[in-house]
Amino acid sequence: MSDDLLKNLMNLYSNPLFKNAFKDYFTRMQEEGMEAARKAFNLSPEKNNFMLGANAFEKMIEFYSDLGFVSRKKYDELLKENDDLRKENAFLKDTMHRMNVEVFTDGSKSMQEAWKNTLEKQTEMSKELTKSFFDFFKGMSKK
């Protein structure tokens, strides 16, 4: 941005008529949107007294937007969208947590059942081995 442009904008904004009209236009644009601000300015009696018109206001608003300013309406929309995304994020995190707990619970039950079956088989094999061991010695003592 050139120094001349900045100087011209400052000179324009120092004009009380422009300053008041711009504040009204900018406020309406923030609250109701650009189209509502254009319509209101085109219907106002100040338009006849002020030669620059809505285009000058829009150029000023572009200037402020380039600096990072956004309209109140847009800010409110983004704030609502941000809140909605936070709620969705919390819901998804909670859902994932529940799913993980369920998977771990099912997995631990499966592991517990497998461990129980393994111990039962091991116990059966030990009993059979012990029985065959005793049977072997019984057979040896009879000979």
C-alpha atoms as a PDB file:
ATOM      1  CA  MET A   1       0.000   0.000   0.000  1.00  0.00           C
ATOM      2  CA  SER A   2       1.390   3.349  -0.989  1.00  0.00           C
ATOM      3  CA  ASP A   3       1.791   6.277   1.355  1.00  0.00           C
ATOM      4  CA  ASP A   4      -0.412   8.420  -0.895  1.00  0.00           C
ATOM      5  CA  LEU A   5      -3.306   5.961  -0.633  1.00  0.00           C
ATOM      6  CA  LEU A   6      -3.005   5.834   3.133  1.00  0.00           C
ATOM      7  CA  LYS A   7      -2.811   9.626   3.302  1.00  0.00           C
ATOM      8  CA  ASN A   8      -5.897   9.989   1.066  1.00  0.00           C
ATOM      9  CA  LEU A   9      -7.831   7.497   3.187  1.00  0.00           C
ATOM     10  CA  MET A  10      -6.921   9.359   6.353  1.00  0.00           C
ATOM     11  CA  ASN A  11      -7.963  12.686   4.792  1.00  0.00           C
ATOM     12  CA  LEU A  12     -11.240  11.168   3.648  1.00  0.00           C
ATOM     13  CA  TYR A  13     -11.906   9.674   7.051  1.00  0.00           C
ATOM     14  CA  SER A  14     -11.248  13.032   8.737  1.00  0.00           C
ATOM     15  CA  ASN A  15     -14.268  14.451   6.864  1.00  0.00           C
ATOM     16  CA  PRO A  16     -17.107  14.361   9.487  1.00  0.00           C
ATOM     17  CA  LEU A  17     -19.809  13.706   6.899  1.00  0.00           C
ATOM     18  CA  PHE A  18     -17.909  10.740   5.463  1.00  0.00           C
ATOM     19  CA  LYS A  19     -16.971   9.496   8.936  1.00  0.00           C
ATOM     20  CA  ASN A  20     -20.579   9.422  10.191  1.00  0.00           C
ATOM     21  CA  ALA A  21     -21.958   7.913   6.996  1.00  0.00           C
ATOM     22  CA  PHE A  22     -19.184   5.316   6.931  1.00  0.00           C
ATOM     23  CA  LYS A  23     -19.815   4.320  10.553  1.00  0.00           C
ATOM     24  CA  ASP A  24     -23.523   3.860   9.803  1.00  0.00           C
ATOM     25  CA  TYR A  25     -22.771   1.893   6.648  1.00  0.00           C
ATOM     26  CA  PHE A  26     -20.120  -0.263   8.294  1.00  0.00           C
ATOM     27  CA  THR A  27     -22.313  -1.008  11.327  1.00  0.00           C
ATOM     28  CA  ARG A  28     -25.231  -1.999   9.118  1.00  0.00           C
ATOM     29  CA  MET A  29     -22.928  -4.114   6.971  1.00  0.00           C
ATOM     30  CA  GLN A  30     -21.655  -5.929  10.074  1.00  0.00           C
ATOM     31  CA  GLU A  31     -25.101  -6.551  11.499  1.00  0.00           C
ATOM     32  CA  GLU A  32     -27.152  -7.238   8.371  1.00  0.00           C
ATOM     33  CA  GLY A  33     -24.739  -7.832   5.519  1.00  0.00           C
ATOM     34  CA  MET A  34     -23.450  -5.957   2.498  1.00  0.00           C
ATOM     35  CA  GLU A  35     -26.688  -5.952   0.491  1.00  0.00           C
ATOM     36  CA  ALA A  36     -28.708  -4.493   3.368  1.00  0.00           C
ATOM     37  CA  ALA A  37     -26.098  -1.766   3.854  1.00  0.00           C
ATOM     38  CA  ARG A  38     -26.185  -0.879   0.129  1.00  0.00           C
ATOM     39  CA  LYS A  39     -29.972  -0.675   0.119  1.00  0.00           C
ATOM     40  CA  ALA A  40     -30.096   1.446   3.271  1.00  0.00           C
ATOM     41  CA  PHE A  41     -27.466   3.858   1.974  1.00  0.00           C
ATOM     42  CA  ASN A  42     -29.125   4.213  -1.419  1.00  0.00           C
ATOM     43  CA  LEU A  43     -32.420   5.109   0.308  1.00  0.00           C
ATOM     44  CA  SER A  44     -30.945   7.536   2.816  1.00  0.00           C
ATOM     45  CA  PRO A  45     -31.079  11.305   2.285  1.00  0.00           C
ATOM     46  CA  GLU A  46     -27.346  11.482   3.049  1.00  0.00           C
ATOM     47  CA  LYS A  47     -26.662   9.992  -0.380  1.00  0.00           C
ATOM     48  CA  ASN A  48     -27.704  13.220  -2.047  1.00  0.00           C
ATOM     49  CA  ASN A  49     -25.380  15.216   0.211  1.00  0.00           C
ATOM     50  CA  PHE A  50     -22.483  12.835  -0.146  1.00  0.00           C
ATOM     51  CA  MET A  51     -21.149  12.311  -3.667  1.00  0.00           C
ATOM     52  CA  LEU A  52     -18.896   9.282  -3.206  1.00  0.00           C
ATOM     53  CA  GLY A  53     -21.680   6.765  -2.598  1.00  0.00           C
ATOM     54  CA  ALA A  54     -21.637   3.171  -1.459  1.00  0.00           C
ATOM     55  CA  ASN A  55     -18.692   2.284  -3.688  1.00  0.00           C
ATOM     56  CA  ALA A  56     -16.368   4.410  -1.567  1.00  0.00           C
ATOM     57  CA  PHE A  57     -17.615   2.659   1.552  1.00  0.00           C
ATOM     58  CA  GLU A  58     -17.071  -0.722  -0.038  1.00  0.00           C
ATOM     59  CA  LYS A  59     -13.526   0.252  -0.948  1.00  0.00           C
ATOM     60  CA  MET A  60     -12.944   1.312   2.658  1.00  0.00           C
ATOM     61  CA  ILE A  61     -14.377  -1.975   3.876  1.00  0.00           C
ATOM     62  CA  GLU A  62     -12.117  -3.858   1.459  1.00  0.00           C
ATOM     63  CA  PHE A  63      -9.212  -1.923   2.915  1.00  0.00           C
ATOM     64  CA  TYR A  64     -10.202  -2.927   6.452  1.00  0.00           C
ATOM     65  CA  SER A  65     -10.841  -6.523   5.361  1.00  0.00           C
ATOM     66  CA  ASP A  66      -7.352  -6.680   3.897  1.00  0.00           C
ATOM     67  CA  LEU A  67      -6.053  -5.724   7.315  1.00  0.00           C
ATOM     68  CA  GLY A  68      -7.885  -8.710   8.793  1.00  0.00           C
ATOM     69  CA  PHE A  69     -11.177  -7.188   9.926  1.00  0.00           C
ATOM     70  CA  VAL A  70     -14.330  -9.198   9.223  1.00  0.00           C
ATOM     71  CA  SER A  71     -17.977  -8.323   9.529  1.00  0.00           C
ATOM     72  CA  ARG A  72     -19.819  -9.082  12.750  1.00  0.00           C
ATOM     73  CA  LYS A  73     -22.217 -11.330  10.860  1.00  0.00           C
ATOM     74  CA  LYS A  74     -19.355 -13.365   9.404  1.00  0.00           C
ATOM     75  CA  TYR A  75     -17.640 -13.487  12.806  1.00  0.00           C
ATOM     76  CA  ASP A  76     -20.831 -14.786  14.440  1.00  0.00           C
ATOM     77  CA  GLU A  77     -21.214 -17.426  11.714  1.00  0.00           C
ATOM     78  CA  LEU A  78     -17.629 -18.556  12.190  1.00  0.00           C
ATOM     79  CA  LEU A  79     -18.008 -18.564  15.976  1.00  0.00           C
ATOM     80  CA  LYS A  80     -21.117 -20.756  15.697  1.00  0.00           C
ATOM     81  CA  GLU A  81     -19.354 -23.075  13.255  1.00  0.00           C
ATOM     82  CA  ASN A  82     -16.379 -23.279  15.625  1.00  0.00           C
ATOM     83  CA  ASP A  83     -18.681 -24.192  18.528  1.00  0.00           C
ATOM     84  CA  ASP A  84     -20.405 -26.827  16.384  1.00  0.00           C
ATOM     85  CA  LEU A  85     -17.041 -28.301  15.418  1.00  0.00           C
ATOM     86  CA  ARG A  86     -15.944 -28.416  19.053  1.00  0.00           C
ATOM     87  CA  LYS A  87     -19.138 -30.272  19.981  1.00  0.00           C
ATOM     88  CA  GLU A  88     -18.682 -32.712  17.091  1.00  0.00           C
ATOM     89  CA  ASN A  89     -15.045 -33.205  18.063  1.00  0.00           C
ATOM     90  CA  ALA A  90     -16.015 -33.935  21.673  1.00  0.00           C
ATOM     91  CA  PHE A  91     -18.698 -36.373  20.467  1.00  0.00           C
ATOM     92  CA  LEU A  92     -16.231 -38.165  18.180  1.00  0.00           C
ATOM     93  CA  LYS A  93     -13.593 -38.372  20.922  1.00  0.00           C
ATOM     94  CA  ASP A  94     -16.172 -39.808  23.320  1.00  0.00           C
ATOM     95  CA  THR A  95     -17.341 -42.305  20.701  1.00  0.00           C
ATOM     96  CA  MET A  96     -13.770 -43.398  19.964  1.00  0.00           C
ATOM     97  CA  HIS A  97     -13.079 -43.766  23.693  1.00  0.00           C
ATOM     98  CA  ARG A  98     -16.170 -45.943  24.133  1.00  0.00           C
ATOM     99  CA  MET A  99     -15.233 -48.046  21.132  1.00  0.00           C
ATOM    100  CA  ASN A 100     -11.695 -48.521  22.461  1.00  0.00           C
ATOM    101  CA  VAL A 101     -13.019 -49.531  25.884  1.00  0.00           C
ATOM    102  CA  GLU A 102     -15.420 -51.985  24.244  1.00  0.00           C
ATOM    103  CA  VAL A 103     -12.670 -53.471  22.064  1.00  0.00           C
ATOM    104  CA  PHE A 104     -10.319 -53.818  25.044  1.00  0.00           C
ATOM    105  CA  THR A 105     -13.106 -55.344  27.143  1.00  0.00           C
ATOM    106  CA  ASP A 106     -13.990 -57.854  24.426  1.00  0.00           C
ATOM    107  CA  GLY A 107     -10.314 -58.587  23.819  1.00  0.00           C
ATOM    108  CA  SER A 108      -9.610 -59.139  27.506  1.00  0.00           C
ATOM    109  CA  LYS A 109     -12.642 -61.432  27.807  1.00  0.00           C
ATOM    110  CA  SER A 110     -11.388 -63.427  24.820  1.00  0.00           C
ATOM    111  CA  MET A 111      -7.908 -63.645  26.293  1.00  0.00           C
ATOM    112  CA  GLN A 112      -9.302 -64.673  29.672  1.00  0.00           C
ATOM    113  CA  GLU A 113     -11.408 -67.392  28.021  1.00  0.00           C
ATOM    114  CA  ALA A 114      -8.426 -68.626  25.994  1.00  0.00           C
ATOM    115  CA  TRP A 115      -6.262 -68.680  29.131  1.00  0.00           C
ATOM    116  CA  LYS A 116      -8.950 -70.580  31.024  1.00  0.00           C
ATOM    117  CA  ASN A 117      -9.253 -73.153  28.192  1.00  0.00           C
ATOM    118  CA  THR A 118      -5.472 -73.522  28.043  1.00  0.00           C
ATOM    119  CA  LEU A 119      -5.270 -74.142  31.806  1.00  0.00           C
ATOM    120  CA  GLU A 120      -8.103 -76.686  31.626  1.00  0.00           C
ATOM    121  CA  LYS A 121      -6.365 -78.558  28.801  1.00  0.00           C
ATOM    122  CA  GLN A 122      -3.058 -78.408  30.676  1.00  0.00           C
ATOM    123  CA  THR A 123      -4.748 -79.774  33.815  1.00  0.00           C
ATOM    124  CA  GLU A 124      -6.377 -82.582  31.805  1.00  0.00           C
ATOM    125  CA  MET A 125      -3.059 -83.460  30.201  1.00  0.00           C
ATOM    126  CA  SER A 126      -1.373 -83.476  33.619  1.00  0.00           C
ATOM    127  CA  LYS A 127      -4.094 -85.753  34.999  1.00  0.00           C
ATOM    128  CA  GLU A 128      -3.760 -88.118  32.029  1.00  0.00           C
ATOM    129  CA  LEU A 129       0.030 -88.102  32.321  1.00  0.00           C
ATOM    130  CA  THR A 130      -0.178 -88.799  36.053  1.00  0.00           C
ATOM    131  CA  LYS A 131      -2.725 -91.590  35.477  1.00  0.00           C
ATOM    132  CA  SER A 132      -0.614 -93.194  32.767  1.00  0.00           C
ATOM    133  CA  PHE A 133       2.462 -92.841  35.001  1.00  0.00           C
ATOM    134  CA  PHE A 134       0.698 -94.632  37.869  1.00  0.00           C
ATOM    135  CA  ASP A 135      -0.717 -97.236  35.472  1.00  0.00           C
ATOM    136  CA  PHE A 136       2.800 -97.850  34.196  1.00  0.00           C
ATOM    137  CA  PHE A 137       4.109 -98.435  37.736  1.00  0.00           C
ATOM    138  CA  LYS A 138       1.104-100.603  38.644  1.00  0.00           C
ATOM    139  CA  GLY A 139       1.844-102.749  35.628  1.00  0.00           C
ATOM    140  CA  MET A 140       5.500-103.001  36.638  1.00  0.00           C
ATOM    141  CA  SER A 141       4.678-103.999  40.208  1.00  0.00           C
ATOM    142  CA  LYS A 142       2.426-106.880  38.968  1.00  0.00           C
ATOM    143  CA  LYS A 143       5.170-108.414  36.879  1.00  0.00           C
END
